[in-house]
Amino acid sequence: MVTSALTIPGKKVVKNLGIARGLVVRSRSIVGSFFGDILTVFGGQNSIYMELCEHARQDAYQQLLHEAYKLRANAIIGFRYDATELAPGLTEVLAYGTACWVEDDTSA
């Protein structure tokens, strides 16, 4: 279970296992940059850069899930993405959240 909320309906956090994160640093290829820049000139949706961003987010997300698994978590709360341009054409994508163990909330 992964949520951007700080709670999961019907569940209670039994143990906080710490921050889990996934980090990816991506650069554009020369060909991708060339065609991406051409699309930028004409405006509108830029599918080349969108695909690059989506792959970076997916890779960071998968790393996050793997780290949470190593922490023996069954949920991640407070999930977020962050991205930073390190240099022209070089971007860092970070997926992070609080890894925790949750159980059914029987008090409700």
PDB file of N, CA and C in Angstrom:
ATOM      1  N   MET A   1       0.844  -1.174   0.000  1.00  0.00           N
ATOM      2  CA  MET A   1       0.000   0.000   0.000  1.00  0.00           C
ATOM      3  C   MET A   1       0.890   1.238   0.000  1.00  0.00           C
ATOM      4  N   VAL A   2       0.627   2.120  -0.911  1.00  0.00           N
ATOM      5  CA  VAL A   2       1.378   3.373  -1.003  1.00  0.00           C
ATOM      6  C   VAL A   2       0.369   4.507  -1.112  1.00  0.00           C
ATOM      7  N   THR A   3       0.523   5.511  -0.274  1.00  0.00           N
ATOM      8  CA  THR A   3      -0.384   6.647  -0.302  1.00  0.00           C
ATOM      9  C   THR A   3       0.364   7.945   0.002  1.00  0.00           C
ATOM     10  N   SER A   4      -0.128   9.018  -0.581  1.00  0.00           N
ATOM     11  CA  SER A   4       0.440  10.330  -0.267  1.00  0.00           C
ATOM     12  C   SER A   4      -0.152  10.868   1.035  1.00  0.00           C
ATOM     13  N   ALA A   5      -1.228  10.261   1.509  1.00  0.00           N
ATOM     14  CA  ALA A   5      -1.839  10.654   2.779  1.00  0.00           C
ATOM     15  C   ALA A   5      -0.967  10.170   3.940  1.00  0.00           C
ATOM     16  N   LEU A   6      -1.271  10.667   5.115  1.00  0.00           N
ATOM     17  CA  LEU A   6      -0.516  10.254   6.300  1.00  0.00           C
ATOM     18  C   LEU A   6      -1.211   9.125   7.054  1.00  0.00           C
ATOM     19  N   THR A   7      -2.380   8.728   6.565  1.00  0.00           N
ATOM     20  CA  THR A   7      -3.103   7.601   7.142  1.00  0.00           C
ATOM     21  C   THR A   7      -3.691   6.769   6.006  1.00  0.00           C
ATOM     22  N   ILE A   8      -4.042   5.545   6.344  1.00  0.00           N
ATOM     23  CA  ILE A   8      -4.721   4.658   5.401  1.00  0.00           C
ATOM     24  C   ILE A   8      -6.034   4.264   6.056  1.00  0.00           C
ATOM     25  N   PRO A   9      -7.155   4.594   5.446  1.00  0.00           N
ATOM     26  CA  PRO A   9      -8.449   4.270   6.046  1.00  0.00           C
ATOM     27  C   PRO A   9      -8.555   2.790   6.420  1.00  0.00           C
ATOM     28  N   GLY A  10      -9.006   2.552   7.656  1.00  0.00           N
ATOM     29  CA  GLY A  10      -9.186   1.186   8.123  1.00  0.00           C
ATOM     30  C   GLY A  10      -7.919   0.518   8.619  1.00  0.00           C
ATOM     31  N   LYS A  11      -6.795   1.251   8.575  1.00  0.00           N
ATOM     32  CA  LYS A  11      -5.508   0.698   9.025  1.00  0.00           C
ATOM     33  C   LYS A  11      -4.917   1.592  10.107  1.00  0.00           C
ATOM     34  N   LYS A  12      -4.079   1.005  10.947  1.00  0.00           N
ATOM     35  CA  LYS A  12      -3.330   1.803  11.922  1.00  0.00           C
ATOM     36  C   LYS A  12      -1.854   1.474  11.783  1.00  0.00           C
ATOM     37  N   VAL A  13      -1.020   2.488  11.930  1.00  0.00           N
ATOM     38  CA  VAL A  13       0.424   2.296  11.856  1.00  0.00           C
ATOM     39  C   VAL A  13       0.877   1.675  13.171  1.00  0.00           C
ATOM     40  N   VAL A  14       1.434   0.490  13.078  1.00  0.00           N
ATOM     41  CA  VAL A  14       1.907  -0.230  14.254  1.00  0.00           C
ATOM     42  C   VAL A  14       3.382   0.077  14.502  1.00  0.00           C
ATOM     43  N   LYS A  15       4.133   0.250  13.394  1.00  0.00           N
ATOM     44  CA  LYS A  15       5.564   0.512  13.531  1.00  0.00           C
ATOM     45  C   LYS A  15       6.040   1.404  12.390  1.00  0.00           C
ATOM     46  N   ASN A  16       6.745   2.462  12.748  1.00  0.00           N
ATOM     47  CA  ASN A  16       7.372   3.345  11.769  1.00  0.00           C
ATOM     48  C   ASN A  16       8.780   2.813  11.520  1.00  0.00           C
ATOM     49  N   LEU A  17       9.084   2.476  10.274  1.00  0.00           N
ATOM     50  CA  LEU A  17      10.367   1.858   9.950  1.00  0.00           C
ATOM     51  C   LEU A  17      11.367   2.834   9.331  1.00  0.00           C
ATOM     52  N   GLY A  18      10.974   4.095   9.201  1.00  0.00           N
ATOM     53  CA  GLY A  18      11.893   5.109   8.686  1.00  0.00           C
ATOM     54  C   GLY A  18      11.578   5.508   7.255  1.00  0.00           C
ATOM     55  N   ILE A  19      12.395   6.401   6.758  1.00  0.00           N
ATOM     56  CA  ILE A  19      12.226   6.913   5.404  1.00  0.00           C
ATOM     57  C   ILE A  19      12.745   5.884   4.402  1.00  0.00           C
ATOM     58  N   ALA A  20      11.950   5.652   3.365  1.00  0.00           N
ATOM     59  CA  ALA A  20      12.389   4.826   2.231  1.00  0.00           C
ATOM     60  C   ALA A  20      12.468   5.763   1.034  1.00  0.00           C
ATOM     61  N   ARG A  21      13.435   5.518   0.157  1.00  0.00           N
ATOM     62  CA  ARG A  21      13.563   6.396  -1.007  1.00  0.00           C
ATOM     63  C   ARG A  21      14.082   5.632  -2.202  1.00  0.00           C
ATOM     64  N   GLY A  22      13.813   6.188  -3.343  1.00  0.00           N
ATOM     65  CA  GLY A  22      14.354   5.690  -4.599  1.00  0.00           C
ATOM     66  C   GLY A  22      14.896   6.885  -5.356  1.00  0.00           C
ATOM     67  N   LEU A  23      16.088   6.782  -5.872  1.00  0.00           N
ATOM     68  CA  LEU A  23      16.749   7.906  -6.528  1.00  0.00           C
ATOM     69  C   LEU A  23      17.235   7.493  -7.905  1.00  0.00           C
ATOM     70  N   VAL A  24      16.921   8.320  -8.905  1.00  0.00           N
ATOM     71  CA  VAL A  24      17.359   8.087 -10.271  1.00  0.00           C
ATOM     72  C   VAL A  24      17.927   9.393 -10.806  1.00  0.00           C
ATOM     73  N   VAL A  25      19.052   9.302 -11.490  1.00  0.00           N
ATOM     74  CA  VAL A  25      19.620  10.455 -12.186  1.00  0.00           C
ATOM     75  C   VAL A  25      19.644  10.100 -13.662  1.00  0.00           C
ATOM     76  N   ARG A  26      18.983  10.919 -14.469  1.00  0.00           N
ATOM     77  CA  ARG A  26      18.851  10.639 -15.886  1.00  0.00           C
ATOM     78  C   ARG A  26      19.391  11.793 -16.712  1.00  0.00           C
ATOM     79  N   SER A  27      19.925  11.437 -17.874  1.00  0.00           N
ATOM     80  CA  SER A  27      20.352  12.454 -18.840  1.00  0.00           C
ATOM     81  C   SER A  27      19.700  12.135 -20.174  1.00  0.00           C
ATOM     82  N   ARG A  28      19.488  13.157 -20.955  1.00  0.00           N
ATOM     83  CA  ARG A  28      18.924  12.970 -22.284  1.00  0.00           C
ATOM     84  C   ARG A  28      20.032  12.571 -23.235  1.00  0.00           C
ATOM     85  N   SER A  29      19.688  11.760 -24.216  1.00  0.00           N
ATOM     86  CA  SER A  29      20.645  11.415 -25.258  1.00  0.00           C
ATOM     87  C   SER A  29      20.734  12.580 -26.241  1.00  0.00           C
ATOM     88  N   ILE A  30      21.754  12.583 -27.058  1.00  0.00           N
ATOM     89  CA  ILE A  30      21.898  13.638 -28.063  1.00  0.00           C
ATOM     90  C   ILE A  30      20.722  13.619 -29.023  1.00  0.00           C
ATOM     91  N   VAL A  31      20.318  12.439 -29.467  1.00  0.00           N
ATOM     92  CA  VAL A  31      19.187  12.317 -30.395  1.00  0.00           C
ATOM     93  C   VAL A  31      17.899  12.778 -29.714  1.00  0.00           C
ATOM     94  N   GLY A  32      17.673  12.316 -28.472  1.00  0.00           N
ATOM     95  CA  GLY A  32      16.475  12.731 -27.740  1.00  0.00           C
ATOM     96  C   GLY A  32      16.439  14.222 -27.510  1.00  0.00           C
ATOM     97  N   SER A  33      17.584  14.793 -27.185  1.00  0.00           N
ATOM     98  CA  SER A  33      17.655  16.239 -26.981  1.00  0.00           C
ATOM     99  C   SER A  33      17.341  16.984 -28.263  1.00  0.00           C
ATOM    100  N   PHE A  34      17.877  16.514 -29.367  1.00  0.00           N
ATOM    101  CA  PHE A  34      17.657  17.175 -30.653  1.00  0.00           C
ATOM    102  C   PHE A  34      16.173  17.204 -31.008  1.00  0.00           C
ATOM    103  N   PHE A  35      15.532  16.015 -30.980  1.00  0.00           N
ATOM    104  CA  PHE A  35      14.120  15.955 -31.344  1.00  0.00           C
ATOM    105  C   PHE A  35      13.233  16.626 -30.288  1.00  0.00           C
ATOM    106  N   GLY A  36      13.617  16.500 -29.028  1.00  0.00           N
ATOM    107  CA  GLY A  36      12.864  17.165 -27.967  1.00  0.00           C
ATOM    108  C   GLY A  36      12.915  18.675 -28.113  1.00  0.00           C
ATOM    109  N   ASP A  37      14.093  19.196 -28.457  1.00  0.00           N
ATOM    110  CA  ASP A  37      14.237  20.635 -28.647  1.00  0.00           C
ATOM    111  C   ASP A  37      13.444  21.125 -29.854  1.00  0.00           C
ATOM    112  N   ILE A  38      13.387  20.322 -30.912  1.00  0.00           N
ATOM    113  CA  ILE A  38      12.583  20.690 -32.089  1.00  0.00           C
ATOM    114  C   ILE A  38      11.105  20.782 -31.695  1.00  0.00           C
ATOM    115  N   LEU A  39      10.616  19.809 -30.928  1.00  0.00           N
ATOM    116  CA  LEU A  39       9.220  19.847 -30.484  1.00  0.00           C
ATOM    117  C   LEU A  39       8.954  21.049 -29.586  1.00  0.00           C
ATOM    118  N   THR A  40       9.941  21.451 -28.804  1.00  0.00           N
ATOM    119  CA  THR A  40       9.795  22.606 -27.931  1.00  0.00           C
ATOM    120  C   THR A  40       9.579  23.881 -28.733  1.00  0.00           C
ATOM    121  N   VAL A  41      10.252  24.003 -29.857  1.00  0.00           N
ATOM    122  CA  VAL A  41      10.110  25.183 -30.713  1.00  0.00           C
ATOM    123  C   VAL A  41       8.662  25.354 -31.168  1.00  0.00           C
ATOM    124  N   PHE A  42       7.990  24.237 -31.484  1.00  0.00           N
ATOM    125  CA  PHE A  42       6.626  24.295 -31.988  1.00  0.00           C
ATOM    126  C   PHE A  42       5.583  24.365 -30.879  1.00  0.00           C
ATOM    127  N   GLY A  43       5.995  24.145 -29.651  1.00  0.00           N
ATOM    128  CA  GLY A  43       5.065  24.230 -28.526  1.00  0.00           C
ATOM    129  C   GLY A  43       4.204  22.988 -28.393  1.00  0.00           C
ATOM    130  N   GLY A  44       3.357  22.982 -27.381  1.00  0.00           N
ATOM    131  CA  GLY A  44       2.466  21.853 -27.152  1.00  0.00           C
ATOM    132  C   GLY A  44       3.109  20.763 -26.316  1.00  0.00           C
ATOM    133  N   GLN A  45       2.469  19.634 -26.298  1.00  0.00           N
ATOM    134  CA  GLN A  45       2.934  18.507 -25.505  1.00  0.00           C
ATOM    135  C   GLN A  45       4.187  17.900 -26.117  1.00  0.00           C
ATOM    136  N   ASN A  46       5.174  17.650 -25.276  1.00  0.00           N
ATOM    137  CA  ASN A  46       6.454  17.127 -25.740  1.00  0.00           C
ATOM    138  C   ASN A  46       6.573  15.668 -25.299  1.00  0.00           C
ATOM    139  N   SER A  47       6.149  14.736 -26.163  1.00  0.00           N
ATOM    140  CA  SER A  47       6.087  13.320 -25.791  1.00  0.00           C
ATOM    141  C   SER A  47       7.459  12.715 -25.521  1.00  0.00           C
ATOM    142  N   ILE A  48       8.489  13.223 -26.148  1.00  0.00           N
ATOM    143  CA  ILE A  48       9.840  12.680 -25.922  1.00  0.00           C
ATOM    144  C   ILE A  48      10.280  12.921 -24.481  1.00  0.00           C
ATOM    145  N   TYR A  49      10.121  14.161 -24.005  1.00  0.00           N
ATOM    146  CA  TYR A  49      10.505  14.463 -22.622  1.00  0.00           C
ATOM    147  C   TYR A  49       9.530  13.846 -21.625  1.00  0.00           C
ATOM    148  N   MET A  50       8.252  13.760 -21.998  1.00  0.00           N
ATOM    149  CA  MET A  50       7.278  13.128 -21.105  1.00  0.00           C
ATOM    150  C   MET A  50       7.632  11.665 -20.857  1.00  0.00           C
ATOM    151  N   GLU A  51       8.020  10.970 -21.907  1.00  0.00           N
ATOM    152  CA  GLU A  51       8.393   9.555 -21.772  1.00  0.00           C
ATOM    153  C   GLU A  51       9.642   9.413 -20.896  1.00  0.00           C
ATOM    154  N   LEU A  52      10.623  10.271 -21.085  1.00  0.00           N
ATOM    155  CA  LEU A  52      11.836  10.244 -20.269  1.00  0.00           C
ATOM    156  C   LEU A  52      11.488  10.465 -18.798  1.00  0.00           C
ATOM    157  N   CYS A  53      10.619  11.441 -18.533  1.00  0.00           N
ATOM    158  CA  CYS A  53      10.221  11.730 -17.157  1.00  0.00           C
ATOM    159  C   CYS A  53       9.461  10.561 -16.539  1.00  0.00           C
ATOM    160  N   GLU A  54       8.560   9.980 -17.307  1.00  0.00           N
ATOM    161  CA  GLU A  54       7.768   8.870 -16.780  1.00  0.00           C
ATOM    162  C   GLU A  54       8.645   7.653 -16.466  1.00  0.00           C
ATOM    163  N   HIS A  55       9.614   7.363 -17.308  1.00  0.00           N
ATOM    164  CA  HIS A  55      10.540   6.254 -17.021  1.00  0.00           C
ATOM    165  C   HIS A  55      11.357   6.540 -15.759  1.00  0.00           C
ATOM    166  N   ALA A  56      11.805   7.761 -15.599  1.00  0.00           N
ATOM    167  CA  ALA A  56      12.582   8.125 -14.404  1.00  0.00           C
ATOM    168  C   ALA A  56      11.723   7.986 -13.147  1.00  0.00           C
ATOM    169  N   ARG A  57      10.476   8.455 -13.200  1.00  0.00           N
ATOM    170  CA  ARG A  57       9.577   8.325 -12.049  1.00  0.00           C
ATOM    171  C   ARG A  57       9.320   6.857 -11.723  1.00  0.00           C
ATOM    172  N   GLN A  58       9.062   6.034 -12.743  1.00  0.00           N
ATOM    173  CA  GLN A  58       8.804   4.612 -12.517  1.00  0.00           C
ATOM    174  C   GLN A  58      10.015   3.910 -11.902  1.00  0.00           C
ATOM    175  N   ASP A  59      11.202   4.231 -12.387  1.00  0.00           N
ATOM    176  CA  ASP A  59      12.426   3.623 -11.840  1.00  0.00           C
ATOM    177  C   ASP A  59      12.634   4.036 -10.384  1.00  0.00           C
ATOM    178  N   ALA A  60      12.416   5.313 -10.074  1.00  0.00           N
ATOM    179  CA  ALA A  60      12.557   5.791  -8.696  1.00  0.00           C
ATOM    180  C   ALA A  60      11.517   5.128  -7.793  1.00  0.00           C
ATOM    181  N   TYR A  61      10.293   4.988  -8.287  1.00  0.00           N
ATOM    182  CA  TYR A  61       9.215   4.347  -7.532  1.00  0.00           C
ATOM    183  C   TYR A  61       9.558   2.885  -7.235  1.00  0.00           C
ATOM    184  N   GLN A  62      10.059   2.165  -8.236  1.00  0.00           N
ATOM    185  CA  GLN A  62      10.440   0.763  -8.036  1.00  0.00           C
ATOM    186  C   GLN A  62      11.563   0.637  -7.006  1.00  0.00           C
ATOM    187  N   GLN A  63      12.526   1.552  -7.041  1.00  0.00           N
ATOM    188  CA  GLN A  63      13.600   1.543  -6.036  1.00  0.00           C
ATOM    189  C   GLN A  63      13.038   1.801  -4.643  1.00  0.00           C
ATOM    190  N   LEU A  64      12.083   2.727  -4.549  1.00  0.00           N
ATOM    191  CA  LEU A  64      11.427   3.017  -3.272  1.00  0.00           C
ATOM    192  C   LEU A  64      10.757   1.764  -2.725  1.00  0.00           C
ATOM    193  N   LEU A  65       9.998   1.065  -3.569  1.00  0.00           N
ATOM    194  CA  LEU A  65       9.322  -0.156  -3.127  1.00  0.00           C
ATOM    195  C   LEU A  65      10.322  -1.211  -2.670  1.00  0.00           C
ATOM    196  N   HIS A  66      11.435  -1.329  -3.388  1.00  0.00           N
ATOM    197  CA  HIS A  66      12.464  -2.303  -3.015  1.00  0.00           C
ATOM    198  C   HIS A  66      13.074  -1.956  -1.652  1.00  0.00           C
ATOM    199  N   GLU A  67      13.347  -0.674  -1.431  1.00  0.00           N
ATOM    200  CA  GLU A  67      13.920  -0.271  -0.140  1.00  0.00           C
ATOM    201  C   GLU A  67      12.927  -0.515   0.999  1.00  0.00           C
ATOM    202  N   ALA A  68      11.648  -0.214   0.764  1.00  0.00           N
ATOM    203  CA  ALA A  68      10.628  -0.465   1.788  1.00  0.00           C
ATOM    204  C   ALA A  68      10.525  -1.961   2.089  1.00  0.00           C
ATOM    205  N   TYR A  69      10.627  -2.779   1.060  1.00  0.00           N
ATOM    206  CA  TYR A  69      10.611  -4.234   1.234  1.00  0.00           C
ATOM    207  C   TYR A  69      11.796  -4.678   2.112  1.00  0.00           C
ATOM    208  N   LYS A  70      12.975  -4.118   1.862  1.00  0.00           N
ATOM    209  CA  LYS A  70      14.153  -4.464   2.676  1.00  0.00           C
ATOM    210  C   LYS A  70      13.965  -4.053   4.129  1.00  0.00           C
ATOM    211  N   LEU A  71      13.195  -2.982   4.370  1.00  0.00           N
ATOM    212  CA  LEU A  71      12.905  -2.537   5.731  1.00  0.00           C
ATOM    213  C   LEU A  71      11.790  -3.359   6.379  1.00  0.00           C
ATOM    214  N   ARG A  72      11.221  -4.296   5.614  1.00  0.00           N
ATOM    215  CA  ARG A  72      10.117  -5.153   6.040  1.00  0.00           C
ATOM    216  C   ARG A  72       8.821  -4.369   6.264  1.00  0.00           C
ATOM    217  N   ALA A  73       8.605  -3.372   5.445  1.00  0.00           N
ATOM    218  CA  ALA A  73       7.390  -2.568   5.519  1.00  0.00           C
ATOM    219  C   ALA A  73       6.293  -3.208   4.671  1.00  0.00           C
ATOM    220  N   ASN A  74       5.051  -2.979   5.065  1.00  0.00           N
ATOM    221  CA  ASN A  74       3.931  -3.412   4.225  1.00  0.00           C
ATOM    222  C   ASN A  74       3.123  -2.208   3.717  1.00  0.00           C
ATOM    223  N   ALA A  75       3.624  -0.994   4.004  1.00  0.00           N
ATOM    224  CA  ALA A  75       2.955   0.212   3.519  1.00  0.00           C
ATOM    225  C   ALA A  75       3.949   1.374   3.495  1.00  0.00           C
ATOM    226  N   ILE A  76       3.622   2.361   2.676  1.00  0.00           N
ATOM    227  CA  ILE A  76       4.376   3.610   2.641  1.00  0.00           C
ATOM    228  C   ILE A  76       3.360   4.738   2.715  1.00  0.00           C
ATOM    229  N   ILE A  77       3.536   5.617   3.701  1.00  0.00           N
ATOM    230  CA  ILE A  77       2.645   6.770   3.824  1.00  0.00           C
ATOM    231  C   ILE A  77       3.455   8.034   3.564  1.00  0.00           C
ATOM    232  N   GLY A  78       2.753   9.112   3.246  1.00  0.00           N
ATOM    233  CA  GLY A  78       3.425  10.380   2.979  1.00  0.00           C
ATOM    234  C   GLY A  78       4.271  10.336   1.719  1.00  0.00           C
ATOM    235  N   PHE A  79       3.853   9.532   0.738  1.00  0.00           N
ATOM    236  CA  PHE A  79       4.628   9.356  -0.494  1.00  0.00           C
ATOM    237  C   PHE A  79       4.700  10.661  -1.286  1.00  0.00           C
ATOM    238  N   ARG A  80       5.891  10.956  -1.826  1.00  0.00           N
ATOM    239  CA  ARG A  80       6.103  12.152  -2.647  1.00  0.00           C
ATOM    240  C   ARG A  80       7.149  11.866  -3.719  1.00  0.00           C
ATOM    241  N   TYR A  81       7.095  12.675  -4.796  1.00  0.00           N
ATOM    242  CA  TYR A  81       8.152  12.738  -5.801  1.00  0.00           C
ATOM    243  C   TYR A  81       8.797  14.098  -5.693  1.00  0.00           C
ATOM    244  N   ASP A  82      10.072  14.164  -6.030  1.00  0.00           N
ATOM    245  CA  ASP A  82      10.776  15.437  -6.129  1.00  0.00           C
ATOM    246  C   ASP A  82      11.733  15.314  -7.310  1.00  0.00           C
ATOM    247  N   ALA A  83      11.958  16.403  -7.999  1.00  0.00           N
ATOM    248  CA  ALA A  83      12.889  16.390  -9.133  1.00  0.00           C
ATOM    249  C   ALA A  83      13.730  17.649  -9.093  1.00  0.00           C
ATOM    250  N   THR A  84      14.993  17.504  -9.465  1.00  0.00           N
ATOM    251  CA  THR A  84      15.928  18.620  -9.485  1.00  0.00           C
ATOM    252  C   THR A  84      16.780  18.524 -10.736  1.00  0.00           C
ATOM    253  N   GLU A  85      16.938  19.637 -11.411  1.00  0.00           N
ATOM    254  CA  GLU A  85      17.854  19.671 -12.557  1.00  0.00           C
ATOM    255  C   GLU A  85      19.255  19.923 -12.015  1.00  0.00           C
ATOM    256  N   LEU A  86      20.116  18.933 -12.163  1.00  0.00           N
ATOM    257  CA  LEU A  86      21.484  19.040 -11.648  1.00  0.00           C
ATOM    258  C   LEU A  86      22.373  19.852 -12.590  1.00  0.00           C
ATOM    259  N   ALA A  87      22.113  19.718 -13.866  1.00  0.00           N
ATOM    260  CA  ALA A  87      22.836  20.424 -14.930  1.00  0.00           C
ATOM    261  C   ALA A  87      21.934  20.367 -16.154  1.00  0.00           C
ATOM    262  N   PRO A  88      22.196  21.186 -17.157  1.00  0.00           N
ATOM    263  CA  PRO A  88      21.356  21.104 -18.357  1.00  0.00           C
ATOM    264  C   PRO A  88      21.324  19.675 -18.921  1.00  0.00           C
ATOM    265  N   GLY A  89      20.117  19.118 -19.007  1.00  0.00           N
ATOM    266  CA  GLY A  89      19.963  17.770 -19.543  1.00  0.00           C
ATOM    267  C   GLY A  89      20.193  16.659 -18.533  1.00  0.00           C
ATOM    268  N   LEU A  90      20.454  17.005 -17.255  1.00  0.00           N
ATOM    269  CA  LEU A  90      20.723  16.005 -16.218  1.00  0.00           C
ATOM    270  C   LEU A  90      19.766  16.246 -15.058  1.00  0.00           C
ATOM    271  N   THR A  91      18.866  15.289 -14.826  1.00  0.00           N
ATOM    272  CA  THR A  91      17.815  15.468 -13.832  1.00  0.00           C
ATOM    273  C   THR A  91      17.834  14.342 -12.813  1.00  0.00           C
ATOM    274  N   GLU A  92      17.616  14.722 -11.565  1.00  0.00           N
ATOM    275  CA  GLU A  92      17.489  13.777 -10.463  1.00  0.00           C
ATOM    276  C   GLU A  92      16.003  13.645 -10.143  1.00  0.00           C
ATOM    277  N   VAL A  93      15.525  12.407  -9.997  1.00  0.00           N
ATOM    278  CA  VAL A  93      14.144  12.160  -9.579  1.00  0.00           C
ATOM    279  C   VAL A  93      14.206  11.340  -8.295  1.00  0.00           C
ATOM    280  N   LEU A  94      13.518  11.825  -7.277  1.00  0.00           N
ATOM    281  CA  LEU A  94      13.508  11.181  -5.971  1.00  0.00           C
ATOM    282  C   LEU A  94      12.070  10.807  -5.622  1.00  0.00           C
ATOM    283  N   ALA A  95      11.854   9.566  -5.243  1.00  0.00           N
ATOM    284  CA  ALA A  95      10.580   9.102  -4.713  1.00  0.00           C
ATOM    285  C   ALA A  95      10.831   8.749  -3.253  1.00  0.00           C
ATOM    286  N   TYR A  96       9.992   9.250  -2.353  1.00  0.00           N
ATOM    287  CA  TYR A  96      10.249   8.990  -0.940  1.00  0.00           C
ATOM    288  C   TYR A  96       8.957   8.958  -0.138  1.00  0.00           C
ATOM    289  N   GLY A  97       9.029   8.338   1.016  1.00  0.00           N
ATOM    290  CA  GLY A  97       7.893   8.258   1.927  1.00  0.00           C
ATOM    291  C   GLY A  97       8.315   7.538   3.192  1.00  0.00           C
ATOM    292  N   THR A  98       7.378   7.420   4.109  1.00  0.00           N
ATOM    293  CA  THR A  98       7.647   6.747   5.380  1.00  0.00           C
ATOM    294  C   THR A  98       7.240   5.283   5.264  1.00  0.00           C
ATOM    295  N   ALA A  99       8.218   4.421   5.417  1.00  0.00           N
ATOM    296  CA  ALA A  99       7.967   2.978   5.410  1.00  0.00           C
ATOM    297  C   ALA A  99       7.405   2.591   6.772  1.00  0.00           C
ATOM    298  N   CYS A 100       6.353   1.812   6.773  1.00  0.00           N
ATOM    299  CA  CYS A 100       5.763   1.425   8.049  1.00  0.00           C
ATOM    300  C   CYS A 100       5.088   0.056   7.938  1.00  0.00           C
ATOM    301  N   TRP A 101       4.742  -0.451   9.099  1.00  0.00           N
ATOM    302  CA  TRP A 101       3.965  -1.680   9.166  1.00  0.00           C
ATOM    303  C   TRP A 101       2.579  -1.282   9.636  1.00  0.00           C
ATOM    304  N   VAL A 102       1.569  -1.650   8.874  1.00  0.00           N
ATOM    305  CA  VAL A 102       0.194  -1.319   9.245  1.00  0.00           C
ATOM    306  C   VAL A 102      -0.603  -2.597   9.447  1.00  0.00           C
ATOM    307  N   GLU A 103      -1.622  -2.472  10.288  1.00  0.00           N
ATOM    308  CA  GLU A 103      -2.543  -3.572  10.527  1.00  0.00           C
ATOM    309  C   GLU A 103      -3.963  -3.028  10.496  1.00  0.00           C
ATOM    310  N   ASP A 104      -4.936  -3.930  10.381  1.00  0.00           N
ATOM    311  CA  ASP A 104      -6.332  -3.502  10.399  1.00  0.00           C
ATOM    312  C   ASP A 104      -6.635  -2.785  11.717  1.00  0.00           C
ATOM    313  N   ASP A 105      -7.381  -1.702  11.623  1.00  0.00           N
ATOM    314  CA  ASP A 105      -7.774  -0.937  12.802  1.00  0.00           C
ATOM    315  C   ASP A 105      -9.069  -1.532  13.334  1.00  0.00           C
ATOM    316  N   THR A 106      -8.952  -2.290  14.397  1.00  0.00           N
ATOM    317  CA  THR A 106     -10.125  -2.971  14.957  1.00  0.00           C
ATOM    318  C   THR A 106     -10.883  -2.087  15.948  1.00  0.00           C
ATOM    319  N   SER A 107     -10.388  -0.904  16.250  1.00  0.00           N
ATOM    320  CA  SER A 107     -11.053  -0.024  17.207  1.00  0.00           C
ATOM    321  C   SER A 107     -12.225   0.742  16.579  1.00  0.00           C
ATOM    322  N   ALA A 108     -12.334   0.693  15.265  1.00  0.00           N
ATOM    323  CA  ALA A 108     -13.398   1.475  14.595  1.00  0.00           C
ATOM    324  C   ALA A 108     -14.719   0.760  14.598  1.00  0.00           C
TER     325      ALA A 108
END
